[in-house]
Amino acid sequence: MARPIGIGKQDFEKIILAKSFYVDKTMFIKEWWENQDDVTLLTRPRRFGKTLTMNMVEKFFSVEYAGRGDLFEGLSIWQEEKYRKLQGTYPVISLSFANIKQRDCKSSIQRTCQLLTDLYRKNSFLLKGDLLSEKEKEEYSKISMDMPEIVAGMAVHKMSEYLFRYYGKKVIILLDEYDTPLQEAYVHGYWEELVGFTRDLFSATFKTNPYLESAVMTGITRVSKESIFSDLNNLEVVTITSEKYQDCFGFTQQEVSDALKEYGLADKEEEVRAWYDGFTFGNQTDIYNPWSIINYLDKRIFNTYWANTSSNGLVGKLIREGSTNMKMVMEDLLKGGSLHTYVDEQIVFHRLDSRESAVWSLMLASGYLKMERFIQNEKRGKHGYDLVLTNQEVRIMFEQMIEEWFSEATPAYNDFIRALLKGDIKSMNGYMNKVALDTISYFDTGKRPSEVIEPERLPTGKATTKSLKEPNSSVCFYHGFVLGLIVDLADRYTVTSNRESGFGRYDVVLEPCRREDDAMILEFKVHDPEEEGTLADTVKSALAQIEEMQYAADLKARGIAPERIRKYGFAFEGKKILIEKG
């Protein structure tokens, strides 16, 4: 009989006692303990079992669970006599930063202080007797949500000392989702403020702590050493490219196959692979997303379970406000293409606005991209990768994200799409101007230098010596708009952009999937007052370019009759747009 599935359970004890579905990952304990690293930073994407693993480690080592070998009977670690003797023998400090998602620095630090206050309250038995001096007891009582940062920074260090004195053994420290507040700090603009507090806290906890036996930190990203780990030379970093613990997080192919058999779903294995496989950790390929697998076993419906629960706000913001090239790369990725880039697994958050490689590195660490091919550049000392979207679930997640860009900003977008399909020029103009008015600024932060117009964007179609520049927001809007077309019209059209055809390059071509639909060519131009008198002149120039460059050549070659090829010119001037049909 198949075991019950406890969706969202992250308490190891509850899962074991309820005899719920559980994939045995207890050998992580042995591997970690025998490595004897002082401090281990372990990065994996969200919902890959990090929190459950940390809870398992706590239940195994903590003196609070002494004599609870029943929780591990029948599991792999309990077959090791040496480790049976270790169970319940260490004081453990366990913290989670998973819920520190505040919008300002003060609130973030206060939330951290609240966690530290809870830690002290949990161990209030230390105040009994004469273990602590009167001065120490006084200091103990000062631990609160509003304590000074300097006191908070030493709180874990001092608790380590107190527990060491009480139990006569050094402590194990577990910190789950260490980078959640840092990501929130970046998104909400207080990164620099939080870094100093975090660096002091981590230094006192993990570096200058003589009462520390060993520690594990988990997170999604490896934040650069210069940011918060500059004082930690005892840190062992384990990323998704590391071979350590490569099968300890996520489900392997065999584990998924066994689970599908248990629940009578063995015939769905290939579909499950397409939806949820694709992750690679170290040399271990074919790693499945455990959250998605568990939900699929429970509901027996294919859906974007992991993507819907992951924190996608940062990635969405970076792509939406990113460069034109970044959006063009996303076009290719959504259509099954790949990206070749160098990857630096140390995420430098202040570079996310200026270095695209930092964004792709973040997306790789977060699980949205996977490595298809590895290339070692020995001369430059860099690692090059061919990256693709991880699986179908991730692709659908990005499609939904792009749809939300416009649905959140303006309801006129859907009206424009309907007008475009009908060929209603008057309505297209009305709705498109509304869309542009509501969304152009939404696609840009204003932090990057203006992007020089590409030759094909110039009114003449030729390079110029003038320093013509296109506003960031217009460039970003155009490419965001194309992504929207790719997603929203996927069932009716193959959408391509900025590709060679005939004697030139077009902006957007929509090739119909159904014989009864018309093909469309959309040429975009930014109004240049030095070259054109009015916006109407810019539209005429766009339509003329479609003809002169024979952008319809490929469509005709594929058997589409000239009368079934619609040609539209789009002229931009700030947030004003004029559309005409050729």
Protein backbone atom coordinates (compact mmCIF):
# COMPACT_ATOMS: atom_id res chain seq x y z
CA MET A 1 0.00 0.00 0.00
CA ALA A 2 1.32 3.42 -0.96
CA ARG A 3 2.38 5.69 1.91
CA PRO A 4 0.38 8.87 2.62
CA ILE A 5 1.86 12.04 1.18
CA GLY A 6 2.31 14.98 3.50
CA ILE A 7 2.47 18.06 1.25
CA GLY A 8 4.67 20.77 2.72
CA LYS A 9 5.88 18.78 5.74
CA GLN A 10 9.41 19.84 6.63
CA ASP A 11 9.57 18.34 10.12
CA PHE A 12 11.51 15.08 9.93
CA GLU A 13 9.95 13.70 13.12
CA LYS A 14 6.39 14.26 11.94
CA ILE A 15 7.09 12.61 8.57
CA ILE A 16 8.63 9.53 10.17
CA LEU A 17 5.98 9.12 12.89
CA ALA A 18 3.17 9.53 10.37
CA LYS A 19 4.89 7.02 8.06
CA SER A 20 4.51 9.52 5.23
CA PHE A 21 6.27 9.31 1.88
CA TYR A 22 9.97 9.91 2.45
CA VAL A 23 13.02 9.31 0.27
CA ASP A 24 15.91 8.26 2.50
CA LYS A 25 18.57 10.98 2.47
CA THR A 26 20.07 10.20 5.88
CA MET A 27 23.47 9.29 4.46
CA PHE A 28 24.03 13.02 4.14
CA ILE A 29 24.75 12.87 7.88
CA LYS A 30 27.63 10.43 7.40
CA GLU A 31 29.09 12.22 4.39
CA TRP A 32 28.96 15.60 6.11
CA TRP A 33 30.35 14.38 9.43
CA GLU A 34 33.25 12.52 7.84
CA ASN A 35 34.27 15.52 5.71
CA GLN A 36 35.03 17.35 8.97
CA ASP A 37 34.61 20.81 7.47
CA ASP A 38 34.30 23.62 10.02
CA VAL A 39 31.58 25.52 8.16
CA THR A 40 29.78 24.17 5.10
CA LEU A 41 27.82 26.49 2.81
CA LEU A 42 25.53 24.36 0.69
CA THR A 43 23.55 25.93 -2.17
CA ARG A 44 20.59 24.33 -3.93
CA PRO A 45 17.46 25.72 -5.61
CA ARG A 46 14.31 26.29 -3.58
CA ARG A 47 12.21 23.32 -2.54
CA PHE A 48 15.00 20.80 -2.96
CA GLY A 49 14.88 19.40 0.55
CA LYS A 50 17.34 21.75 2.26
CA THR A 51 15.03 22.59 5.16
CA LEU A 52 14.00 18.96 5.71
CA THR A 53 17.64 17.89 5.64
CA MET A 54 18.60 20.53 8.22
CA ASN A 55 15.71 19.40 10.42
CA MET A 56 16.89 15.80 10.04
CA VAL A 57 20.43 16.74 11.08
CA GLU A 58 19.07 18.58 14.12
CA LYS A 59 16.95 15.59 15.18
CA PHE A 60 19.92 13.27 14.76
CA PHE A 61 22.55 15.21 16.72
CA SER A 62 20.59 17.32 19.20
CA VAL A 63 20.75 16.42 22.89
CA GLU A 64 17.07 17.34 22.97
CA TYR A 65 16.47 14.18 20.95
CA ALA A 66 18.74 11.88 22.92
CA GLY A 67 17.39 8.33 22.89
CA ARG A 68 15.20 8.97 19.83
CA GLY A 69 16.84 6.38 17.63
CA ASP A 70 13.31 5.28 16.73
CA LEU A 71 13.20 8.15 14.26
CA PHE A 72 16.07 6.63 12.27
CA GLU A 73 15.41 2.91 12.56
CA GLY A 74 15.12 1.34 9.12
CA LEU A 75 16.96 4.23 7.47
CA SER A 76 20.44 4.03 5.95
CA ILE A 77 22.29 5.93 8.67
CA TRP A 78 21.05 3.53 11.38
CA GLN A 79 22.92 0.67 9.75
CA GLU A 80 26.15 2.38 10.81
CA GLU A 81 26.96 1.43 14.42
CA LYS A 82 29.33 4.38 14.80
CA TYR A 83 26.55 6.80 14.00
CA ARG A 84 23.99 5.14 16.24
CA LYS A 85 26.32 6.13 19.10
CA LEU A 86 26.40 9.77 17.89
CA GLN A 87 22.64 10.25 17.92
CA GLY A 88 21.51 12.85 20.47
CA THR A 89 24.97 13.77 21.73
CA TYR A 90 25.49 17.44 20.76
CA PRO A 91 23.94 20.79 21.63
CA VAL A 92 22.47 22.21 18.43
CA ILE A 93 21.55 25.78 17.52
CA SER A 94 19.10 25.75 14.63
CA LEU A 95 17.96 28.96 12.88
CA SER A 96 16.08 29.69 9.68
CA PHE A 97 16.12 32.98 7.74
CA ALA A 98 13.45 31.70 5.33
CA ASN A 99 10.81 34.16 6.52
CA ILE A 100 12.96 37.27 6.74
CA LYS A 101 11.43 39.02 3.73
CA GLN A 102 11.09 42.59 4.94
CA ARG A 103 10.95 45.66 2.72
CA ASP A 104 13.42 47.77 4.68
CA CYS A 105 16.68 47.22 6.53
CA LYS A 106 15.42 48.13 10.00
CA SER A 107 12.57 45.60 9.79
CA SER A 108 14.91 42.92 8.44
CA ILE A 109 17.34 43.36 11.35
CA GLN A 110 14.43 43.43 13.82
CA ARG A 111 13.10 40.17 12.39
CA THR A 112 16.56 38.62 12.80
CA CYS A 113 16.65 39.91 16.38
CA GLN A 114 13.28 38.28 16.99
CA LEU A 115 14.69 34.90 15.89
CA LEU A 116 17.62 35.38 18.25
CA THR A 117 15.21 36.32 21.05
CA ASP A 118 13.26 33.12 20.42
CA LEU A 119 16.53 31.16 20.61
CA TYR A 120 17.33 32.66 24.00
CA ARG A 121 13.80 32.09 25.26
CA LYS A 122 13.98 28.43 24.20
CA ASN A 123 17.15 27.99 26.25
CA SER A 124 15.99 29.98 29.29
CA PHE A 125 16.84 26.97 31.50
CA LEU A 126 20.41 28.31 31.36
CA LEU A 127 19.33 31.09 33.73
CA LYS A 128 18.69 28.62 36.52
CA GLY A 129 21.41 27.98 39.04
CA ASP A 130 24.83 29.57 38.92
CA LEU A 131 25.98 28.53 35.41
CA LEU A 132 25.83 32.18 34.39
CA SER A 133 27.14 35.04 36.44
CA GLU A 134 24.78 37.82 37.51
CA LYS A 135 26.25 40.07 34.81
CA GLU A 136 25.73 37.36 32.17
CA LYS A 137 22.15 36.89 33.31
CA GLU A 138 21.67 40.62 32.96
CA GLU A 139 23.10 40.51 29.44
CA TYR A 140 20.88 37.52 28.69
CA SER A 141 17.79 39.53 29.58
CA LYS A 142 18.78 42.31 27.14
CA ILE A 143 18.29 40.02 24.13
CA SER A 144 15.18 41.44 22.46
CA MET A 145 13.78 42.49 19.11
CA ASP A 146 15.04 46.05 19.69
CA MET A 147 18.53 45.20 20.94
CA PRO A 148 21.51 47.11 19.47
CA GLU A 149 23.07 45.59 16.36
CA ILE A 150 26.36 45.02 18.17
CA VAL A 151 24.55 42.88 20.75
CA ALA A 152 22.64 40.94 18.09
CA GLY A 153 25.86 40.28 16.20
CA MET A 154 27.30 38.43 19.21
CA ALA A 155 24.10 36.64 20.26
CA VAL A 156 24.76 33.26 18.63
CA HIS A 157 28.40 33.37 19.74
CA LYS A 158 27.38 33.94 23.37
CA MET A 159 24.70 31.24 23.22
CA SER A 160 27.33 28.81 21.91
CA GLU A 161 29.44 29.58 24.96
CA TYR A 162 26.55 29.09 27.38
CA LEU A 163 25.55 25.76 25.83
CA PHE A 164 29.16 24.60 25.84
CA ARG A 165 29.44 25.34 29.53
CA TYR A 166 26.15 23.58 30.26
CA TYR A 167 26.73 20.40 28.23
CA GLY A 168 30.52 20.30 28.18
CA LYS A 169 30.53 19.91 24.36
CA LYS A 170 30.96 22.30 21.48
CA VAL A 171 27.84 23.19 19.49
CA ILE A 172 26.59 22.36 16.03
CA ILE A 173 25.06 25.40 14.29
CA LEU A 174 22.51 25.04 11.49
CA LEU A 175 21.43 28.10 9.51
CA ASP A 176 18.80 27.48 6.84
CA GLU A 177 18.12 29.85 3.89
CA TYR A 178 20.87 32.26 4.92
CA ASP A 179 20.53 34.34 1.73
CA THR A 180 16.78 35.05 1.80
CA PRO A 181 17.12 38.41 3.61
CA LEU A 182 19.99 39.35 1.30
CA GLN A 183 17.93 38.72 -1.82
CA GLU A 184 15.08 40.74 -0.36
CA ALA A 185 17.55 43.51 0.47
CA TYR A 186 18.63 43.66 -3.16
CA VAL A 187 15.07 43.68 -4.51
CA HIS A 188 13.99 46.44 -2.12
CA GLY A 189 17.14 48.55 -2.35
CA TYR A 190 18.83 48.21 1.03
CA TRP A 191 21.59 45.72 0.18
CA GLU A 192 24.49 47.90 1.34
CA GLU A 193 22.78 48.64 4.66
CA LEU A 194 22.23 44.97 5.50
CA VAL A 195 25.63 43.67 4.42
CA GLY A 196 27.52 45.16 7.36
CA PHE A 197 25.18 43.66 9.98
CA THR A 198 25.21 40.27 8.25
CA ARG A 199 29.01 40.21 7.95
CA ASP A 200 29.45 40.95 11.68
CA LEU A 201 26.88 38.32 12.67
CA PHE A 202 28.45 35.62 10.49
CA SER A 203 32.00 36.45 11.59
CA ALA A 204 31.14 36.16 15.28
CA THR A 205 29.05 33.03 14.74
CA PHE A 206 31.22 31.03 12.38
CA LYS A 207 34.75 32.44 12.47
CA THR A 208 35.68 33.76 15.91
CA ASN A 209 33.65 31.16 17.79
CA PRO A 210 35.81 28.74 19.83
CA TYR A 211 32.67 26.90 20.97
CA LEU A 212 31.74 25.77 17.45
CA GLU A 213 32.08 22.08 16.60
CA SER A 214 30.74 22.31 13.05
CA ALA A 215 28.16 24.26 11.08
CA VAL A 216 26.00 24.01 7.99
CA MET A 217 24.51 26.94 6.10
CA THR A 218 22.06 26.44 3.25
CA GLY A 219 20.79 28.83 0.62
CA ILE A 220 20.08 29.28 -3.05
CA THR A 221 23.08 31.38 -3.95
CA ARG A 222 26.72 31.66 -3.05
CA VAL A 223 26.91 35.33 -2.14
CA SER A 224 30.36 36.70 -2.94
CA LYS A 225 32.99 36.27 -0.25
CA GLU A 226 33.80 39.97 -0.40
CA SER A 227 30.24 40.84 0.58
CA ILE A 228 29.61 38.91 3.80
CA PHE A 229 32.20 36.13 4.09
CA SER A 230 35.39 38.18 3.94
CA ASP A 231 36.41 37.07 7.45
CA LEU A 232 35.59 33.40 6.94
CA ASN A 233 38.59 31.44 5.69
CA ASN A 234 37.16 28.24 7.21
CA LEU A 235 34.23 28.09 4.80
CA GLU A 236 33.70 25.06 2.54
CA VAL A 237 31.43 26.12 -0.30
CA VAL A 238 29.37 23.42 -2.05
CA THR A 239 27.51 24.68 -5.12
CA ILE A 240 25.52 22.87 -7.79
CA THR A 241 28.74 22.14 -9.71
CA SER A 242 30.42 20.49 -6.70
CA GLU A 243 30.59 16.72 -6.41
CA LYS A 244 30.06 16.76 -2.64
CA TYR A 245 26.52 15.80 -1.58
CA GLN A 246 25.52 15.57 -5.24
CA ASP A 247 22.74 13.03 -4.66
CA CYS A 248 21.62 14.27 -1.23
CA PHE A 249 19.18 16.88 -2.51
CA GLY A 250 16.49 16.28 -5.09
CA PHE A 251 15.41 12.85 -6.33
CA THR A 252 17.51 10.64 -8.55
CA GLN A 253 16.12 8.78 -11.56
CA GLN A 254 15.94 5.54 -9.57
CA GLU A 255 14.20 7.22 -6.65
CA VAL A 256 11.59 8.71 -8.97
CA SER A 257 11.06 5.41 -10.77
CA ASP A 258 10.51 3.63 -7.44
CA ALA A 259 8.07 6.33 -6.30
CA LEU A 260 6.04 6.15 -9.51
CA LYS A 261 5.77 2.38 -9.15
CA GLU A 262 4.63 2.71 -5.51
CA TYR A 263 1.76 4.98 -6.56
CA GLY A 264 0.78 3.09 -9.70
CA LEU A 265 2.16 5.71 -12.09
CA ALA A 266 5.00 3.80 -13.75
CA ASP A 267 3.48 4.42 -17.20
CA LYS A 268 3.91 8.20 -16.73
CA GLU A 269 7.70 8.11 -16.33
CA GLU A 270 8.56 9.75 -19.67
CA GLU A 271 6.10 12.60 -19.15
CA VAL A 272 7.42 13.09 -15.61
CA ARG A 273 10.94 13.27 -17.00
CA ALA A 274 9.98 16.01 -19.49
CA TRP A 275 8.23 18.07 -16.85
CA TYR A 276 10.45 17.74 -13.77
CA ASP A 277 13.86 16.28 -14.70
CA GLY A 278 16.85 18.24 -15.93
CA PHE A 279 18.77 19.32 -12.84
CA THR A 280 22.46 18.43 -12.51
CA PHE A 281 24.47 18.55 -9.29
CA GLY A 282 28.16 17.77 -9.65
CA ASN A 283 28.41 14.66 -11.83
CA GLN A 284 24.91 13.53 -10.90
CA THR A 285 22.60 14.11 -13.85
CA ASP A 286 18.86 13.46 -14.05
CA ILE A 287 18.00 15.06 -10.74
CA TYR A 288 14.28 15.72 -10.28
CA ASN A 289 12.60 18.50 -8.41
CA PRO A 290 11.28 16.82 -5.23
CA TRP A 291 8.50 19.33 -4.55
CA SER A 292 7.03 18.81 -8.01
CA ILE A 293 7.36 15.03 -7.81
CA ILE A 294 5.62 14.85 -4.42
CA ASN A 295 2.79 17.07 -5.63
CA TYR A 296 2.41 15.05 -8.82
CA LEU A 297 2.25 11.79 -6.84
CA ASP A 298 -0.48 13.35 -4.70
CA LYS A 299 -2.58 15.08 -7.36
CA ARG A 300 -1.66 13.00 -10.43
CA ILE A 301 -1.87 16.12 -12.61
CA PHE A 302 1.03 17.78 -14.42
CA ASN A 303 1.40 21.36 -13.24
CA THR A 304 4.00 24.00 -12.35
CA TYR A 305 4.12 23.10 -8.67
CA TRP A 306 7.68 24.22 -7.97
CA ALA A 307 7.55 27.31 -10.15
CA ASN A 308 4.35 28.49 -8.48
CA THR A 309 5.86 28.32 -5.02
CA SER A 310 9.36 29.57 -5.77
CA SER A 311 10.27 33.17 -5.23
CA ASN A 312 10.48 34.34 -8.83
CA GLY A 313 10.28 38.06 -8.14
CA LEU A 314 14.01 38.76 -8.39
CA VAL A 315 14.52 36.83 -11.63
CA GLY A 316 11.40 38.34 -13.16
CA LYS A 317 12.54 41.85 -12.26
CA LEU A 318 16.02 41.30 -13.70
CA ILE A 319 14.71 40.01 -17.03
CA ARG A 320 11.92 42.59 -17.35
CA GLU A 321 14.26 45.49 -16.62
CA GLY A 322 17.27 43.93 -18.32
CA SER A 323 18.98 44.85 -21.55
CA THR A 324 17.68 44.26 -25.04
CA ASN A 325 20.15 41.43 -25.43
CA MET A 326 18.83 39.75 -22.30
CA LYS A 327 15.30 39.76 -23.68
CA MET A 328 16.50 38.43 -27.03
CA VAL A 329 18.29 35.59 -25.22
CA MET A 330 15.03 34.82 -23.44
CA GLU A 331 13.31 34.66 -26.82
CA ASP A 332 15.76 32.01 -27.95
CA LEU A 333 15.56 30.07 -24.68
CA LEU A 334 11.76 29.97 -24.79
CA LYS A 335 11.96 28.55 -28.30
CA GLY A 336 14.35 25.77 -27.24
CA GLY A 337 17.64 27.54 -27.93
CA SER A 338 20.74 27.75 -25.74
CA LEU A 339 22.92 30.45 -24.22
CA HIS A 340 26.71 30.30 -24.10
CA THR A 341 28.13 32.26 -21.20
CA TYR A 342 30.79 32.28 -18.53
CA VAL A 343 29.46 31.51 -15.09
CA ASP A 344 30.75 32.83 -11.78
CA GLU A 345 29.08 30.95 -8.94
CA GLN A 346 29.87 33.78 -6.54
CA ILE A 347 26.81 35.99 -6.92
CA VAL A 348 27.76 39.65 -6.69
CA PHE A 349 24.42 41.36 -6.20
CA HIS A 350 25.55 44.87 -7.04
CA ARG A 351 26.62 43.59 -10.47
CA LEU A 352 23.21 42.20 -11.38
CA ASP A 353 22.24 45.55 -12.91
CA SER A 354 25.32 45.77 -15.11
CA ARG A 355 26.59 42.26 -15.89
CA GLU A 356 24.34 39.87 -17.75
CA SER A 357 26.60 36.95 -16.85
CA ALA A 358 25.76 37.60 -13.19
CA VAL A 359 22.05 37.25 -14.00
CA TRP A 360 22.56 33.98 -15.87
CA SER A 361 24.70 32.72 -12.97
CA LEU A 362 21.87 33.53 -10.58
CA MET A 363 19.35 31.74 -12.80
CA LEU A 364 21.62 28.68 -12.96
CA ALA A 365 21.99 28.60 -9.17
CA SER A 366 18.24 29.06 -8.76
CA GLY A 367 17.46 26.09 -11.01
CA TYR A 368 15.86 27.96 -13.91
CA LEU A 369 18.71 27.07 -16.27
CA LYS A 370 20.69 23.85 -16.59
CA MET A 371 24.11 23.07 -17.95
CA GLU A 372 23.98 21.38 -21.33
CA ARG A 373 27.69 21.60 -22.08
CA PHE A 374 30.80 22.63 -20.12
CA ILE A 375 33.77 24.41 -21.70
CA GLN A 376 37.01 25.11 -19.82
CA ASN A 377 38.92 28.21 -20.94
CA GLU A 378 42.36 27.52 -19.49
CA LYS A 379 43.87 30.77 -20.75
CA ARG A 380 41.27 32.96 -19.04
CA GLY A 381 40.64 30.64 -16.09
CA LYS A 382 36.90 30.78 -16.63
CA HIS A 383 34.26 28.13 -16.97
CA GLY A 384 31.99 28.41 -19.99
CA TYR A 385 28.61 26.75 -20.21
CA ASP A 386 25.90 26.18 -22.76
CA LEU A 387 22.72 26.80 -20.76
CA VAL A 388 19.11 25.91 -21.58
CA LEU A 389 15.81 26.12 -19.72
CA THR A 390 15.76 23.28 -17.20
CA ASN A 391 12.51 21.59 -18.18
CA GLN A 392 8.94 22.10 -19.28
CA GLU A 393 7.84 23.31 -15.86
CA VAL A 394 10.39 26.13 -15.96
CA ARG A 395 9.48 27.09 -19.53
CA ILE A 396 5.80 27.37 -18.57
CA MET A 397 6.78 29.41 -15.49
CA PHE A 398 8.53 31.99 -17.68
CA GLU A 399 5.60 32.08 -20.08
CA GLN A 400 3.25 32.80 -17.19
CA MET A 401 5.64 35.44 -15.86
CA ILE A 402 5.70 37.25 -19.21
CA GLU A 403 1.91 37.12 -19.45
CA GLU A 404 1.70 38.75 -16.02
CA TRP A 405 3.96 41.62 -17.10
CA PHE A 406 1.22 42.95 -19.33
CA SER A 407 -1.86 41.74 -17.47
CA GLU A 408 -0.63 43.48 -14.32
CA ALA A 409 0.25 46.68 -16.11
CA THR A 410 -2.70 47.16 -18.45
CA PRO A 411 -5.86 45.31 -19.56
CA ALA A 412 -5.49 46.97 -22.97
CA TYR A 413 -2.82 44.46 -24.00
CA ASN A 414 -5.29 41.63 -24.61
CA ASP A 415 -7.53 44.04 -26.52
CA PHE A 416 -4.57 44.94 -28.72
CA ILE A 417 -3.85 41.26 -29.44
CA ARG A 418 -7.47 40.72 -30.49
CA ALA A 419 -7.37 43.81 -32.71
CA LEU A 420 -4.08 42.63 -34.27
CA LEU A 421 -5.59 39.26 -35.15
CA LYS A 422 -8.63 40.98 -36.70
CA GLY A 423 -6.51 43.54 -38.57
CA ASP A 424 -8.42 46.42 -36.95
CA ILE A 425 -5.95 49.31 -37.42
CA LYS A 426 -8.03 51.90 -35.58
CA SER A 427 -8.37 49.73 -32.49
CA MET A 428 -4.72 48.64 -32.71
CA ASN A 429 -3.65 52.29 -32.48
CA GLY A 430 -5.94 53.05 -29.56
CA TYR A 431 -5.03 49.99 -27.53
CA MET A 432 -1.29 50.06 -28.33
CA ASN A 433 -0.96 53.65 -27.15
CA LYS A 434 -2.68 52.69 -23.92
CA VAL A 435 -0.34 49.70 -23.49
CA ALA A 436 2.75 51.82 -24.13
CA LEU A 437 1.58 54.56 -21.76
CA ASP A 438 1.04 52.05 -18.96
CA THR A 439 4.07 49.82 -19.44
CA ILE A 440 7.08 51.56 -21.00
CA SER A 441 8.47 52.70 -17.65
CA TYR A 442 7.61 49.27 -16.19
CA PHE A 443 10.31 47.70 -18.38
CA ASP A 444 13.19 49.88 -17.27
CA THR A 445 14.89 51.00 -14.06
CA GLY A 446 16.71 53.93 -15.54
CA LYS A 447 19.97 52.68 -14.03
CA ARG A 448 21.68 51.60 -17.24
CA PRO A 449 23.24 53.84 -19.89
CA SER A 450 21.07 54.41 -22.92
CA GLU A 451 21.54 51.81 -25.58
CA VAL A 452 22.75 52.90 -28.99
CA ILE A 453 20.24 52.15 -31.71
CA GLU A 454 21.26 49.19 -33.83
CA PRO A 455 21.69 49.94 -37.58
CA GLU A 456 18.43 48.23 -38.46
CA ARG A 457 16.63 50.46 -35.96
CA LEU A 458 17.75 53.69 -37.62
CA PRO A 459 15.33 55.40 -39.99
CA THR A 460 17.69 54.93 -42.91
CA GLY A 461 18.58 51.34 -42.06
CA LYS A 462 22.23 52.37 -42.13
CA ALA A 463 24.87 53.13 -39.55
CA THR A 464 25.38 56.80 -38.74
CA THR A 465 28.11 58.93 -37.22
CA LYS A 466 25.56 60.80 -35.09
CA SER A 467 25.23 59.83 -31.45
CA LEU A 468 21.64 58.75 -31.84
CA LYS A 469 20.33 57.03 -28.80
CA GLU A 470 17.08 55.32 -28.03
CA PRO A 471 15.52 55.73 -24.58
CA ASN A 472 16.08 52.70 -22.39
CA SER A 473 12.43 52.21 -21.74
CA SER A 474 11.47 52.19 -25.42
CA VAL A 475 14.10 49.57 -26.22
CA CYS A 476 13.09 47.45 -23.25
CA PHE A 477 9.40 47.82 -24.03
CA TYR A 478 9.89 46.68 -27.61
CA HIS A 479 11.67 43.48 -26.60
CA GLY A 480 9.29 42.82 -23.72
CA PHE A 481 6.41 43.25 -26.16
CA VAL A 482 7.95 40.69 -28.53
CA LEU A 483 8.28 38.20 -25.66
CA GLY A 484 4.61 38.79 -24.94
CA LEU A 485 3.71 37.99 -28.56
CA ILE A 486 5.79 34.80 -28.47
CA VAL A 487 3.96 33.58 -25.38
CA ASP A 488 0.40 34.76 -26.11
CA LEU A 489 0.28 33.67 -29.74
CA ALA A 490 2.22 30.41 -29.39
CA ASP A 491 -0.81 28.28 -30.26
CA ARG A 492 -1.48 30.18 -33.51
CA TYR A 493 1.82 31.70 -34.66
CA THR A 494 5.56 31.07 -34.77
CA VAL A 495 6.98 34.42 -33.71
CA THR A 496 10.52 35.42 -34.67
CA SER A 497 12.31 38.72 -34.20
CA ASN A 498 15.42 40.49 -35.44
CA ARG A 499 16.28 37.72 -37.84
CA GLU A 500 17.68 37.82 -41.39
CA SER A 501 15.24 37.58 -44.31
CA GLY A 502 15.59 38.71 -47.93
CA PHE A 503 18.11 41.53 -48.09
CA GLY A 504 17.83 42.77 -44.56
CA ARG A 505 16.48 42.26 -41.07
CA TYR A 506 12.96 42.57 -39.79
CA ASP A 507 11.72 43.34 -36.33
CA VAL A 508 8.93 40.80 -35.95
CA VAL A 509 7.42 38.13 -38.21
CA LEU A 510 4.36 36.08 -37.27
CA GLU A 511 4.07 32.90 -39.31
CA PRO A 512 0.69 31.18 -38.95
CA CYS A 513 0.38 27.61 -37.73
CA ARG A 514 -3.08 27.34 -39.32
CA ARG A 515 -3.68 27.71 -43.05
CA GLU A 516 -6.65 30.04 -42.54
CA ASP A 517 -4.63 32.68 -40.63
CA ASP A 518 -2.71 35.52 -42.25
CA ALA A 519 1.03 36.00 -41.80
CA MET A 520 2.22 39.34 -40.39
CA ILE A 521 5.35 41.47 -40.59
CA LEU A 522 5.81 44.17 -37.96
CA GLU A 523 8.52 46.78 -38.50
CA PHE A 524 9.35 49.05 -35.56
CA LYS A 525 11.05 52.44 -35.85
CA VAL A 526 11.88 55.21 -33.42
CA HIS A 527 11.03 58.69 -34.70
CA ASP A 528 14.12 60.78 -35.53
CA PRO A 529 13.13 64.48 -35.84
CA GLU A 530 16.36 65.21 -37.75
CA GLU A 531 15.42 62.74 -40.48
CA GLU A 532 11.60 62.74 -40.47
CA GLY A 533 9.09 65.56 -40.10
CA THR A 534 6.24 63.70 -38.45
CA LEU A 535 5.44 60.36 -36.87
CA ALA A 536 3.55 59.48 -40.05
CA ASP A 537 6.79 59.88 -42.02
CA THR A 538 8.46 57.37 -39.67
CA VAL A 539 5.65 54.86 -40.31
CA LYS A 540 6.04 55.28 -44.07
CA SER A 541 9.77 54.68 -43.70
CA ALA A 542 9.08 51.47 -41.77
CA LEU A 543 6.64 50.20 -44.43
CA ALA A 544 9.06 51.14 -47.20
CA GLN A 545 11.83 49.17 -45.50
CA ILE A 546 9.63 46.05 -45.43
CA GLU A 547 9.33 46.28 -49.22
CA GLU A 548 12.88 47.38 -50.00
CA MET A 549 14.44 44.67 -47.87
CA GLN A 550 12.00 42.01 -49.09
CA TYR A 551 11.11 40.86 -45.58
CA ALA A 552 8.28 38.77 -47.01
CA ALA A 553 10.68 36.60 -49.02
CA ASP A 554 10.87 33.71 -46.56
CA LEU A 555 7.12 33.64 -46.03
CA LYS A 556 6.47 33.49 -49.78
CA ALA A 557 9.08 30.74 -50.14
CA ARG A 558 7.13 28.67 -47.62
CA GLY A 559 4.02 28.91 -49.75
CA ILE A 560 2.17 31.80 -48.16
CA ALA A 561 0.41 33.89 -50.81
CA PRO A 562 1.34 37.62 -50.95
CA GLU A 563 -2.28 38.66 -50.30
CA ARG A 564 -2.16 36.72 -47.00
CA ILE A 565 0.86 38.63 -45.70
CA ARG A 566 -0.09 41.68 -43.67
CA LYS A 567 2.52 44.41 -43.23
CA TYR A 568 2.47 46.89 -40.36
CA GLY A 569 4.68 49.85 -39.57
CA PHE A 570 5.05 50.92 -35.90
CA ALA A 571 6.47 54.37 -35.17
CA PHE A 572 7.57 55.31 -31.62
CA GLU A 573 8.02 58.79 -30.18
CA GLY A 574 8.38 58.56 -26.43
CA LYS A 575 5.20 56.87 -25.23
CA LYS A 576 3.29 57.80 -28.38
CA ILE A 577 2.86 55.14 -31.09
CA LEU A 578 1.41 55.29 -34.61
CA ILE A 579 0.55 52.11 -36.56
CA GLU A 580 -0.26 51.90 -40.26
CA LYS A 581 -0.84 48.99 -42.62
CA GLY A 582 1.07 48.63 -45.86
